[in-house]
Amino acid sequence: MNSVNPTKTALLNLAQELLQTKSFSSVSFQTLASGIGIKKGSVYYHFKTKEDLGEAIVERLTTMLQQSLLDIQHEPSQIQLKIYLSWFEKHIEAAQKLCPAASFAATWDAVPEGTKLKVQKLYNLHQNSLIRIIQNGRDSGEFALSSQSPKELAVLVFALLQGGLVSSRVSQTKYEFEACKAQASQMIVKG
């Protein structure tokens, strides 16, 4: 039986919070231990290395996104798009935090290789999911055709959403993210 360990969950939650509001370099086992009231050595029981911790954060996010996508797979493409675009707000909190995976980008050269691969896998999941939503929406007539391929549009939309999150974090308002989200939706739906 695979049960959820509350200490490990608390460590992951705090590490993700630090990652999204500060950076991965600000995540230390001592900070995590102090933050949840355990000894530093206890953190090593759950995560042998900081790389293991980083990978666990990204794996958890990947699983959450995969489940969210499974939950909406039978919805019309317009509903899938709306839910997908809202996923960023629901799970990232525009103006307060950055996308956890994108938070690694600031120190990308220092990110362990295994963690980089997990982050890239999550990015690919986002983009491939958008490609599928866009293509299905075009095939069903819900979305207008445009000169951009679904892949080109997915890359552009994902970058637009990430940029909106960064801008909203700096301005401390949701305005930039909301504007980018609206533009992304319009680009997909109206072509």
N, C-alpha and C. Protein backbone atom coordinates (compact mmCIF):
# COMPACT_ATOMS: atom_id res chain seq x y z
N MET A 1 0.84 -1.18 0.00
CA MET A 1 0.00 0.00 0.00
C MET A 1 0.89 1.24 0.00
N ASN A 2 0.62 2.16 -0.90
CA ASN A 2 1.41 3.38 -1.03
C ASN A 2 0.69 4.52 -0.33
N SER A 3 1.12 4.86 0.88
CA SER A 3 0.46 5.93 1.62
C SER A 3 1.28 7.21 1.51
N VAL A 4 0.60 8.32 1.70
CA VAL A 4 1.24 9.62 1.61
C VAL A 4 1.89 9.92 2.95
N ASN A 5 3.16 10.24 2.92
CA ASN A 5 3.89 10.59 4.14
C ASN A 5 3.71 12.08 4.40
N PRO A 6 3.09 12.45 5.53
CA PRO A 6 2.82 13.87 5.78
C PRO A 6 4.09 14.72 5.91
N THR A 7 5.16 14.16 6.42
CA THR A 7 6.41 14.92 6.53
C THR A 7 6.99 15.19 5.14
N LYS A 8 6.99 14.17 4.30
CA LYS A 8 7.50 14.35 2.94
C LYS A 8 6.64 15.36 2.18
N THR A 9 5.33 15.28 2.35
CA THR A 9 4.43 16.24 1.70
C THR A 9 4.71 17.66 2.19
N ALA A 10 4.91 17.83 3.49
CA ALA A 10 5.21 19.15 4.05
C ALA A 10 6.53 19.69 3.50
N LEU A 11 7.52 18.82 3.37
CA LEU A 11 8.80 19.22 2.80
C LEU A 11 8.65 19.66 1.34
N LEU A 12 7.90 18.88 0.56
CA LEU A 12 7.66 19.23 -0.84
C LEU A 12 6.89 20.55 -0.95
N ASN A 13 5.89 20.72 -0.11
CA ASN A 13 5.10 21.96 -0.15
C ASN A 13 5.96 23.18 0.14
N LEU A 14 6.78 23.09 1.17
CA LEU A 14 7.64 24.22 1.54
C LEU A 14 8.70 24.46 0.47
N ALA A 15 9.30 23.40 -0.03
CA ALA A 15 10.33 23.54 -1.07
C ALA A 15 9.73 24.18 -2.32
N GLN A 16 8.52 23.77 -2.69
CA GLN A 16 7.87 24.36 -3.87
C GLN A 16 7.54 25.82 -3.62
N GLU A 17 7.09 26.16 -2.43
CA GLU A 17 6.79 27.56 -2.09
C GLU A 17 8.05 28.41 -2.21
N LEU A 18 9.16 27.92 -1.68
CA LEU A 18 10.43 28.66 -1.78
C LEU A 18 10.88 28.78 -3.24
N LEU A 19 10.73 27.71 -3.98
CA LEU A 19 11.10 27.71 -5.39
C LEU A 19 10.30 28.76 -6.15
N GLN A 20 9.00 28.83 -5.89
CA GLN A 20 8.13 29.74 -6.62
C GLN A 20 8.25 31.20 -6.18
N THR A 21 8.65 31.43 -4.96
CA THR A 21 8.71 32.81 -4.46
C THR A 21 10.13 33.34 -4.34
N LYS A 22 11.10 32.47 -4.34
CA LYS A 22 12.50 32.89 -4.23
C LYS A 22 13.28 32.27 -5.40
N SER A 23 13.86 31.11 -5.18
CA SER A 23 14.55 30.37 -6.24
C SER A 23 14.94 29.01 -5.68
N PHE A 24 15.36 28.13 -6.56
CA PHE A 24 15.80 26.82 -6.10
C PHE A 24 17.07 26.93 -5.27
N SER A 25 17.89 27.93 -5.55
CA SER A 25 19.11 28.10 -4.76
C SER A 25 18.80 28.50 -3.32
N SER A 26 17.62 29.03 -3.06
CA SER A 26 17.25 29.40 -1.69
C SER A 26 16.68 28.22 -0.91
N VAL A 27 16.50 27.10 -1.58
CA VAL A 27 15.99 25.90 -0.92
C VAL A 27 17.18 25.13 -0.34
N SER A 28 17.22 25.06 0.97
CA SER A 28 18.27 24.27 1.63
C SER A 28 17.60 23.28 2.57
N PHE A 29 18.27 22.19 2.84
CA PHE A 29 17.70 21.20 3.75
C PHE A 29 17.53 21.79 5.14
N GLN A 30 18.43 22.69 5.55
CA GLN A 30 18.29 23.34 6.86
C GLN A 30 17.05 24.22 6.91
N THR A 31 16.83 24.99 5.84
CA THR A 31 15.64 25.85 5.77
C THR A 31 14.37 25.00 5.82
N LEU A 32 14.36 23.91 5.09
CA LEU A 32 13.20 23.03 5.08
C LEU A 32 12.96 22.42 6.45
N ALA A 33 14.02 21.93 7.08
CA ALA A 33 13.90 21.32 8.40
C ALA A 33 13.35 22.33 9.41
N SER A 34 13.94 23.51 9.42
CA SER A 34 13.47 24.55 10.35
C SER A 34 12.03 24.95 10.04
N GLY A 35 11.71 25.00 8.78
CA GLY A 35 10.38 25.43 8.36
C GLY A 35 9.26 24.51 8.79
N ILE A 36 9.53 23.23 8.89
CA ILE A 36 8.47 22.31 9.31
C ILE A 36 8.73 21.69 10.69
N GLY A 37 9.82 22.14 11.35
CA GLY A 37 10.06 21.72 12.72
C GLY A 37 10.62 20.32 12.89
N ILE A 38 11.55 19.94 12.00
CA ILE A 38 12.22 18.65 12.15
C ILE A 38 13.73 18.88 12.12
N LYS A 39 14.49 17.84 12.38
CA LYS A 39 15.95 17.95 12.32
C LYS A 39 16.40 17.83 10.87
N LYS A 40 17.50 18.51 10.56
CA LYS A 40 18.02 18.51 9.20
C LYS A 40 18.26 17.09 8.68
N GLY A 41 18.77 16.23 9.53
CA GLY A 41 19.02 14.85 9.13
C GLY A 41 17.77 14.12 8.68
N SER A 42 16.62 14.53 9.21
CA SER A 42 15.36 13.90 8.83
C SER A 42 14.97 14.21 7.39
N VAL A 43 15.42 15.35 6.89
CA VAL A 43 15.12 15.70 5.50
C VAL A 43 15.80 14.69 4.58
N TYR A 44 17.02 14.27 4.95
CA TYR A 44 17.77 13.31 4.14
C TYR A 44 17.10 11.93 4.08
N TYR A 45 16.25 11.64 5.04
CA TYR A 45 15.50 10.39 5.00
C TYR A 45 14.56 10.37 3.79
N HIS A 46 14.00 11.54 3.49
CA HIS A 46 13.03 11.65 2.39
C HIS A 46 13.68 11.97 1.05
N PHE A 47 14.74 12.77 1.09
CA PHE A 47 15.44 13.19 -0.13
C PHE A 47 16.94 13.10 0.12
N LYS A 48 17.57 12.20 -0.58
CA LYS A 48 19.01 11.99 -0.38
C LYS A 48 19.82 13.20 -0.82
N THR A 49 19.36 13.87 -1.87
CA THR A 49 20.08 15.03 -2.41
C THR A 49 19.09 16.13 -2.77
N LYS A 50 19.61 17.31 -2.99
CA LYS A 50 18.78 18.42 -3.44
C LYS A 50 18.22 18.12 -4.83
N GLU A 51 18.99 17.40 -5.64
CA GLU A 51 18.51 17.00 -6.96
C GLU A 51 17.28 16.11 -6.82
N ASP A 52 17.30 15.17 -5.87
CA ASP A 52 16.13 14.31 -5.63
C ASP A 52 14.91 15.15 -5.26
N LEU A 53 15.13 16.16 -4.44
CA LEU A 53 14.05 17.05 -4.04
C LEU A 53 13.50 17.82 -5.24
N GLY A 54 14.37 18.39 -6.04
CA GLY A 54 13.94 19.12 -7.23
C GLY A 54 13.15 18.24 -8.18
N GLU A 55 13.64 17.03 -8.38
CA GLU A 55 12.95 16.09 -9.27
C GLU A 55 11.58 15.72 -8.70
N ALA A 56 11.50 15.55 -7.39
CA ALA A 56 10.22 15.20 -6.76
C ALA A 56 9.20 16.31 -6.92
N ILE A 57 9.63 17.56 -6.82
CA ILE A 57 8.72 18.69 -7.02
C ILE A 57 8.17 18.66 -8.44
N VAL A 58 9.05 18.51 -9.41
CA VAL A 58 8.62 18.53 -10.81
C VAL A 58 7.78 17.31 -11.15
N GLU A 59 8.12 16.15 -10.60
CA GLU A 59 7.32 14.94 -10.84
C GLU A 59 5.91 15.11 -10.28
N ARG A 60 5.81 15.72 -9.12
CA ARG A 60 4.49 15.95 -8.52
C ARG A 60 3.65 16.88 -9.41
N LEU A 61 4.28 17.93 -9.92
CA LEU A 61 3.58 18.86 -10.81
C LEU A 61 3.16 18.17 -12.11
N THR A 62 4.03 17.34 -12.63
CA THR A 62 3.72 16.60 -13.86
C THR A 62 2.52 15.70 -13.64
N THR A 63 2.50 15.00 -12.53
CA THR A 63 1.37 14.12 -12.20
C THR A 63 0.08 14.92 -12.05
N MET A 64 0.16 16.08 -11.40
CA MET A 64 -1.04 16.92 -11.25
C MET A 64 -1.57 17.37 -12.60
N LEU A 65 -0.67 17.80 -13.49
CA LEU A 65 -1.10 18.25 -14.80
C LEU A 65 -1.68 17.09 -15.61
N GLN A 66 -1.02 15.94 -15.57
CA GLN A 66 -1.53 14.77 -16.30
C GLN A 66 -2.94 14.41 -15.83
N GLN A 67 -3.16 14.44 -14.52
CA GLN A 67 -4.49 14.12 -13.99
C GLN A 67 -5.51 15.16 -14.42
N SER A 68 -5.14 16.42 -14.37
CA SER A 68 -6.04 17.49 -14.80
C SER A 68 -6.43 17.32 -16.27
N LEU A 69 -5.47 16.96 -17.09
CA LEU A 69 -5.73 16.76 -18.52
C LEU A 69 -6.62 15.53 -18.76
N LEU A 70 -6.40 14.48 -17.98
CA LEU A 70 -7.27 13.30 -18.09
C LEU A 70 -8.71 13.63 -17.71
N ASP A 71 -8.85 14.47 -16.69
CA ASP A 71 -10.18 14.84 -16.21
C ASP A 71 -11.00 15.60 -17.25
N ILE A 72 -10.32 16.29 -18.17
CA ILE A 72 -11.05 17.11 -19.15
C ILE A 72 -10.99 16.56 -20.58
N GLN A 73 -10.41 15.39 -20.76
CA GLN A 73 -10.15 14.89 -22.12
C GLN A 73 -11.41 14.70 -22.96
N HIS A 74 -12.57 14.52 -22.35
CA HIS A 74 -13.79 14.30 -23.12
C HIS A 74 -14.64 15.57 -23.25
N GLU A 75 -14.13 16.66 -22.74
CA GLU A 75 -14.83 17.94 -22.85
C GLU A 75 -14.61 18.53 -24.25
N PRO A 76 -15.50 19.42 -24.69
CA PRO A 76 -15.25 20.12 -25.97
C PRO A 76 -13.94 20.91 -25.87
N SER A 77 -13.30 21.14 -26.99
CA SER A 77 -11.99 21.80 -27.02
C SER A 77 -12.02 23.18 -26.37
N GLN A 78 -13.10 23.94 -26.56
CA GLN A 78 -13.16 25.27 -25.94
C GLN A 78 -13.16 25.18 -24.42
N ILE A 79 -13.83 24.19 -23.87
CA ILE A 79 -13.84 23.98 -22.42
C ILE A 79 -12.46 23.53 -21.96
N GLN A 80 -11.84 22.62 -22.72
CA GLN A 80 -10.49 22.18 -22.37
C GLN A 80 -9.53 23.36 -22.34
N LEU A 81 -9.63 24.23 -23.33
CA LEU A 81 -8.75 25.39 -23.39
C LEU A 81 -8.98 26.31 -22.19
N LYS A 82 -10.23 26.57 -21.89
CA LYS A 82 -10.55 27.44 -20.74
C LYS A 82 -9.99 26.86 -19.44
N ILE A 83 -10.18 25.57 -19.24
CA ILE A 83 -9.68 24.92 -18.02
C ILE A 83 -8.16 24.93 -18.01
N TYR A 84 -7.55 24.64 -19.15
CA TYR A 84 -6.09 24.64 -19.22
C TYR A 84 -5.54 26.03 -18.88
N LEU A 85 -6.09 27.07 -19.47
CA LEU A 85 -5.60 28.42 -19.20
C LEU A 85 -5.82 28.80 -17.74
N SER A 86 -6.89 28.34 -17.15
CA SER A 86 -7.17 28.63 -15.74
C SER A 86 -6.29 27.82 -14.80
N TRP A 87 -5.73 26.72 -15.31
CA TRP A 87 -4.86 25.87 -14.49
C TRP A 87 -3.70 26.68 -13.92
N PHE A 88 -3.18 27.61 -14.72
CA PHE A 88 -2.07 28.43 -14.26
C PHE A 88 -2.46 29.25 -13.04
N GLU A 89 -3.63 29.85 -13.09
CA GLU A 89 -4.10 30.64 -11.95
C GLU A 89 -4.34 29.76 -10.74
N LYS A 90 -4.99 28.64 -10.96
CA LYS A 90 -5.36 27.75 -9.86
C LYS A 90 -4.13 27.18 -9.15
N HIS A 91 -3.12 26.82 -9.92
CA HIS A 91 -1.98 26.13 -9.33
C HIS A 91 -0.73 26.99 -9.15
N ILE A 92 -0.72 28.16 -9.75
CA ILE A 92 0.50 28.98 -9.67
C ILE A 92 0.26 30.29 -8.93
N GLU A 93 -0.94 30.81 -8.95
CA GLU A 93 -1.28 32.06 -8.27
C GLU A 93 -0.55 33.25 -8.89
N ALA A 94 -1.03 33.66 -10.05
CA ALA A 94 -0.44 34.80 -10.76
C ALA A 94 -0.32 35.99 -9.83
N ALA A 95 0.78 36.73 -9.98
CA ALA A 95 1.15 37.91 -9.20
C ALA A 95 1.79 37.57 -7.86
N GLN A 96 1.64 36.32 -7.42
CA GLN A 96 2.23 35.95 -6.14
C GLN A 96 3.41 35.00 -6.31
N LYS A 97 3.36 34.19 -7.36
CA LYS A 97 4.38 33.16 -7.54
C LYS A 97 4.72 33.01 -9.01
N LEU A 98 5.82 32.33 -9.26
CA LEU A 98 6.20 31.95 -10.61
C LEU A 98 5.86 30.49 -10.83
N CYS A 99 5.77 30.10 -12.07
CA CYS A 99 5.62 28.69 -12.40
C CYS A 99 6.80 27.94 -11.79
N PRO A 100 6.56 26.87 -11.04
CA PRO A 100 7.67 26.16 -10.41
C PRO A 100 8.73 25.70 -11.40
N ALA A 101 8.29 25.14 -12.52
CA ALA A 101 9.26 24.67 -13.50
C ALA A 101 10.05 25.82 -14.09
N ALA A 102 9.39 26.94 -14.36
CA ALA A 102 10.08 28.11 -14.91
C ALA A 102 11.03 28.74 -13.90
N SER A 103 10.77 28.52 -12.62
CA SER A 103 11.65 29.08 -11.59
C SER A 103 13.06 28.53 -11.68
N PHE A 104 13.19 27.35 -12.24
CA PHE A 104 14.53 26.77 -12.42
C PHE A 104 15.33 27.52 -13.49
N ALA A 105 14.63 28.22 -14.39
CA ALA A 105 15.30 28.85 -15.53
C ALA A 105 16.32 29.91 -15.12
N ALA A 106 16.05 30.61 -14.03
CA ALA A 106 16.96 31.69 -13.61
C ALA A 106 18.36 31.17 -13.28
N THR A 107 18.44 29.95 -12.82
CA THR A 107 19.74 29.35 -12.48
C THR A 107 19.94 28.06 -13.27
N TRP A 108 19.47 28.05 -14.51
CA TRP A 108 19.46 26.83 -15.32
C TRP A 108 20.81 26.14 -15.39
N ASP A 109 21.88 26.90 -15.54
CA ASP A 109 23.21 26.27 -15.65
C ASP A 109 23.62 25.53 -14.39
N ALA A 110 23.03 25.89 -13.25
CA ALA A 110 23.37 25.23 -11.99
C ALA A 110 22.39 24.11 -11.62
N VAL A 111 21.34 23.97 -12.41
CA VAL A 111 20.33 22.93 -12.12
C VAL A 111 20.90 21.57 -12.50
N PRO A 112 20.77 20.58 -11.60
CA PRO A 112 21.28 19.24 -11.91
C PRO A 112 20.62 18.68 -13.17
N GLU A 113 21.36 17.88 -13.89
CA GLU A 113 20.91 17.35 -15.17
C GLU A 113 19.60 16.57 -15.06
N GLY A 114 19.46 15.75 -14.03
CA GLY A 114 18.24 14.98 -13.86
C GLY A 114 17.02 15.88 -13.67
N THR A 115 17.20 16.96 -12.94
CA THR A 115 16.11 17.91 -12.72
C THR A 115 15.78 18.63 -14.02
N LYS A 116 16.80 19.00 -14.79
CA LYS A 116 16.57 19.64 -16.09
C LYS A 116 15.70 18.75 -16.98
N LEU A 117 16.00 17.48 -17.00
CA LEU A 117 15.23 16.54 -17.84
C LEU A 117 13.77 16.47 -17.40
N LYS A 118 13.54 16.49 -16.09
CA LYS A 118 12.16 16.47 -15.58
C LYS A 118 11.43 17.76 -15.94
N VAL A 119 12.11 18.89 -15.82
CA VAL A 119 11.50 20.18 -16.18
C VAL A 119 11.16 20.19 -17.67
N GLN A 120 12.08 19.71 -18.50
CA GLN A 120 11.83 19.66 -19.94
C GLN A 120 10.66 18.74 -20.26
N LYS A 121 10.53 17.64 -19.54
CA LYS A 121 9.41 16.72 -19.73
C LYS A 121 8.09 17.43 -19.40
N LEU A 122 8.08 18.23 -18.32
CA LEU A 122 6.88 18.96 -17.94
C LEU A 122 6.53 20.02 -19.00
N TYR A 123 7.54 20.73 -19.49
CA TYR A 123 7.31 21.71 -20.57
C TYR A 123 6.73 21.02 -21.80
N ASN A 124 7.29 19.87 -22.15
CA ASN A 124 6.79 19.13 -23.31
C ASN A 124 5.35 18.68 -23.10
N LEU A 125 5.01 18.28 -21.89
CA LEU A 125 3.64 17.89 -21.59
C LEU A 125 2.70 19.08 -21.81
N HIS A 126 3.09 20.25 -21.30
CA HIS A 126 2.28 21.45 -21.52
C HIS A 126 2.09 21.71 -23.01
N GLN A 127 3.18 21.74 -23.73
CA GLN A 127 3.10 22.09 -25.15
C GLN A 127 2.37 21.04 -25.97
N ASN A 128 2.63 19.77 -25.71
CA ASN A 128 1.94 18.71 -26.46
C ASN A 128 0.44 18.70 -26.15
N SER A 129 0.09 19.03 -24.91
CA SER A 129 -1.33 19.10 -24.54
C SER A 129 -2.01 20.25 -25.28
N LEU A 130 -1.34 21.38 -25.34
CA LEU A 130 -1.88 22.52 -26.09
C LEU A 130 -2.01 22.19 -27.57
N ILE A 131 -1.01 21.54 -28.12
CA ILE A 131 -1.08 21.14 -29.54
C ILE A 131 -2.32 20.28 -29.77
N ARG A 132 -2.55 19.31 -28.90
CA ARG A 132 -3.70 18.41 -29.03
C ARG A 132 -5.01 19.19 -28.91
N ILE A 133 -5.11 20.08 -27.92
CA ILE A 133 -6.33 20.87 -27.75
C ILE A 133 -6.59 21.74 -28.98
N ILE A 134 -5.53 22.39 -29.48
CA ILE A 134 -5.67 23.26 -30.66
C ILE A 134 -6.08 22.44 -31.88
N GLN A 135 -5.41 21.32 -32.12
CA GLN A 135 -5.72 20.51 -33.30
C GLN A 135 -7.14 19.96 -33.24
N ASN A 136 -7.53 19.45 -32.08
CA ASN A 136 -8.89 18.93 -31.92
C ASN A 136 -9.92 20.03 -32.11
N GLY A 137 -9.62 21.23 -31.59
CA GLY A 137 -10.53 22.35 -31.75
C GLY A 137 -10.66 22.79 -33.20
N ARG A 138 -9.58 22.73 -33.93
CA ARG A 138 -9.64 23.05 -35.35
C ARG A 138 -10.41 21.99 -36.11
N ASP A 139 -10.14 20.72 -35.78
CA ASP A 139 -10.81 19.62 -36.46
C ASP A 139 -12.32 19.64 -36.23
N SER A 140 -12.74 20.07 -35.04
CA SER A 140 -14.17 20.09 -34.72
C SER A 140 -14.84 21.40 -35.15
N GLY A 141 -14.05 22.35 -35.61
CA GLY A 141 -14.60 23.63 -36.03
C GLY A 141 -14.79 24.62 -34.90
N GLU A 142 -14.35 24.27 -33.69
CA GLU A 142 -14.47 25.18 -32.55
C GLU A 142 -13.46 26.32 -32.64
N PHE A 143 -12.30 26.06 -33.22
CA PHE A 143 -11.25 27.06 -33.34
C PHE A 143 -11.03 27.38 -34.82
N ALA A 144 -10.75 28.64 -35.10
CA ALA A 144 -10.48 29.07 -36.47
C ALA A 144 -9.11 28.56 -36.91
N LEU A 145 -8.98 28.36 -38.20
CA LEU A 145 -7.68 28.01 -38.77
C LEU A 145 -6.84 29.28 -38.85
N SER A 146 -5.54 29.11 -38.75
CA SER A 146 -4.64 30.25 -38.90
C SER A 146 -3.42 29.78 -39.68
N SER A 147 -2.56 30.73 -40.00
CA SER A 147 -1.35 30.37 -40.75
C SER A 147 -0.34 29.65 -39.87
N GLN A 148 -0.55 29.68 -38.56
CA GLN A 148 0.38 29.00 -37.65
C GLN A 148 -0.08 27.57 -37.41
N SER A 149 0.87 26.68 -37.37
CA SER A 149 0.55 25.29 -37.06
C SER A 149 0.16 25.20 -35.58
N PRO A 150 -0.53 24.13 -35.19
CA PRO A 150 -0.83 23.96 -33.77
C PRO A 150 0.42 23.98 -32.90
N LYS A 151 1.51 23.41 -33.40
CA LYS A 151 2.76 23.41 -32.62
C LYS A 151 3.29 24.84 -32.45
N GLU A 152 3.34 25.60 -33.53
CA GLU A 152 3.83 26.98 -33.44
C GLU A 152 2.97 27.79 -32.48
N LEU A 153 1.67 27.60 -32.57
CA LEU A 153 0.75 28.34 -31.70
C LEU A 153 0.90 27.89 -30.25
N ALA A 154 1.07 26.61 -30.01
CA ALA A 154 1.23 26.10 -28.66
C ALA A 154 2.50 26.67 -28.01
N VAL A 155 3.58 26.71 -28.76
CA VAL A 155 4.84 27.27 -28.24
C VAL A 155 4.65 28.74 -27.90
N LEU A 156 4.01 29.47 -28.78
CA LEU A 156 3.77 30.89 -28.57
C LEU A 156 2.87 31.14 -27.37
N VAL A 157 1.78 30.40 -27.27
CA VAL A 157 0.84 30.57 -26.17
C VAL A 157 1.50 30.23 -24.83
N PHE A 158 2.23 29.14 -24.79
CA PHE A 158 2.89 28.75 -23.53
C PHE A 158 3.90 29.82 -23.10
N ALA A 159 4.66 30.34 -24.05
CA ALA A 159 5.62 31.40 -23.73
C ALA A 159 4.89 32.67 -23.28
N LEU A 160 3.78 32.98 -23.90
CA LEU A 160 2.98 34.14 -23.53
C LEU A 160 2.47 34.01 -22.09
N LEU A 161 1.97 32.84 -21.74
CA LEU A 161 1.49 32.61 -20.38
C LEU A 161 2.61 32.71 -19.36
N GLN A 162 3.76 32.13 -19.69
CA GLN A 162 4.91 32.22 -18.77
C GLN A 162 5.35 33.67 -18.60
N GLY A 163 5.40 34.41 -19.70
CA GLY A 163 5.77 35.82 -19.62
C GLY A 163 4.78 36.62 -18.80
N GLY A 164 3.50 36.30 -18.93
CA GLY A 164 2.47 36.96 -18.14
C GLY A 164 2.64 36.70 -16.65
N LEU A 165 3.04 35.48 -16.30
CA LEU A 165 3.29 35.16 -14.90
C LEU A 165 4.46 35.97 -14.35
N VAL A 166 5.54 36.07 -15.12
CA VAL A 166 6.70 36.84 -14.69
C VAL A 166 6.34 38.31 -14.53
N SER A 167 5.65 38.87 -15.52
CA SER A 167 5.27 40.28 -15.46
C SER A 167 4.34 40.55 -14.28
N SER A 168 3.40 39.66 -14.03
CA SER A 168 2.49 39.84 -12.90
C SER A 168 3.21 39.72 -11.57
N ARG A 169 4.22 38.89 -11.52
CA ARG A 169 5.01 38.75 -10.29
C ARG A 169 5.72 40.07 -9.99
N VAL A 170 6.26 40.70 -11.01
CA VAL A 170 6.98 41.97 -10.82
C VAL A 170 6.00 43.09 -10.46
N SER A 171 4.89 43.17 -11.16
CA SER A 171 3.93 44.26 -10.92
C SER A 171 3.07 44.02 -9.68
N GLN A 172 3.04 42.77 -9.22
CA GLN A 172 2.22 42.37 -8.08
C GLN A 172 0.72 42.55 -8.34
N THR A 173 0.34 42.48 -9.62
CA THR A 173 -1.08 42.48 -9.98
C THR A 173 -1.29 41.35 -10.98
N LYS A 174 -2.52 40.94 -11.12
CA LYS A 174 -2.84 39.88 -12.08
C LYS A 174 -3.08 40.42 -13.48
N TYR A 175 -3.03 41.73 -13.64
CA TYR A 175 -3.39 42.36 -14.90
C TYR A 175 -2.60 41.78 -16.08
N GLU A 176 -1.30 41.72 -15.97
CA GLU A 176 -0.47 41.24 -17.08
C GLU A 176 -0.79 39.80 -17.44
N PHE A 177 -0.93 38.96 -16.42
CA PHE A 177 -1.25 37.57 -16.71
C PHE A 177 -2.62 37.45 -17.36
N GLU A 178 -3.60 38.18 -16.84
CA GLU A 178 -4.95 38.13 -17.40
C GLU A 178 -4.94 38.60 -18.86
N ALA A 179 -4.18 39.66 -19.15
CA ALA A 179 -4.09 40.16 -20.53
C ALA A 179 -3.45 39.12 -21.44
N CYS A 180 -2.40 38.47 -20.97
CA CYS A 180 -1.74 37.43 -21.76
C CYS A 180 -2.66 36.22 -21.95
N LYS A 181 -3.38 35.86 -20.92
CA LYS A 181 -4.31 34.73 -21.00
C LYS A 181 -5.42 35.03 -22.01
N ALA A 182 -5.95 36.24 -21.98
CA ALA A 182 -7.00 36.62 -22.93
C ALA A 182 -6.48 36.62 -24.36
N GLN A 183 -5.27 37.13 -24.54
CA GLN A 183 -4.66 37.15 -25.88
C GLN A 183 -4.40 35.73 -26.37
N ALA A 184 -3.93 34.88 -25.48
CA ALA A 184 -3.66 33.48 -25.84
C ALA A 184 -4.95 32.80 -26.30
N SER A 185 -6.01 33.01 -25.55
CA SER A 185 -7.29 32.41 -25.90
C SER A 185 -7.78 32.92 -27.27
N GLN A 186 -7.68 34.20 -27.47
CA GLN A 186 -8.11 34.80 -28.74
C GLN A 186 -7.30 34.27 -29.91
N MET A 187 -5.99 34.13 -29.72
CA MET A 187 -5.12 33.62 -30.79
C MET A 187 -5.54 32.20 -31.19
N ILE A 188 -5.92 31.40 -30.22
CA ILE A 188 -6.30 30.02 -30.51
C ILE A 188 -7.71 29.94 -31.09
N VAL A 189 -8.64 30.61 -30.47
CA VAL A 189 -10.04 30.48 -30.86
C VAL A 189 -10.34 31.19 -32.18
N LYS A 190 -9.82 32.41 -32.33
CA LYS A 190 -10.17 33.22 -33.50
C LYS A 190 -9.14 33.18 -34.62
N GLY A 191 -7.97 32.64 -34.31
CA GLY A 191 -6.94 32.49 -35.33
C GLY A 191 -6.10 33.67 -35.60
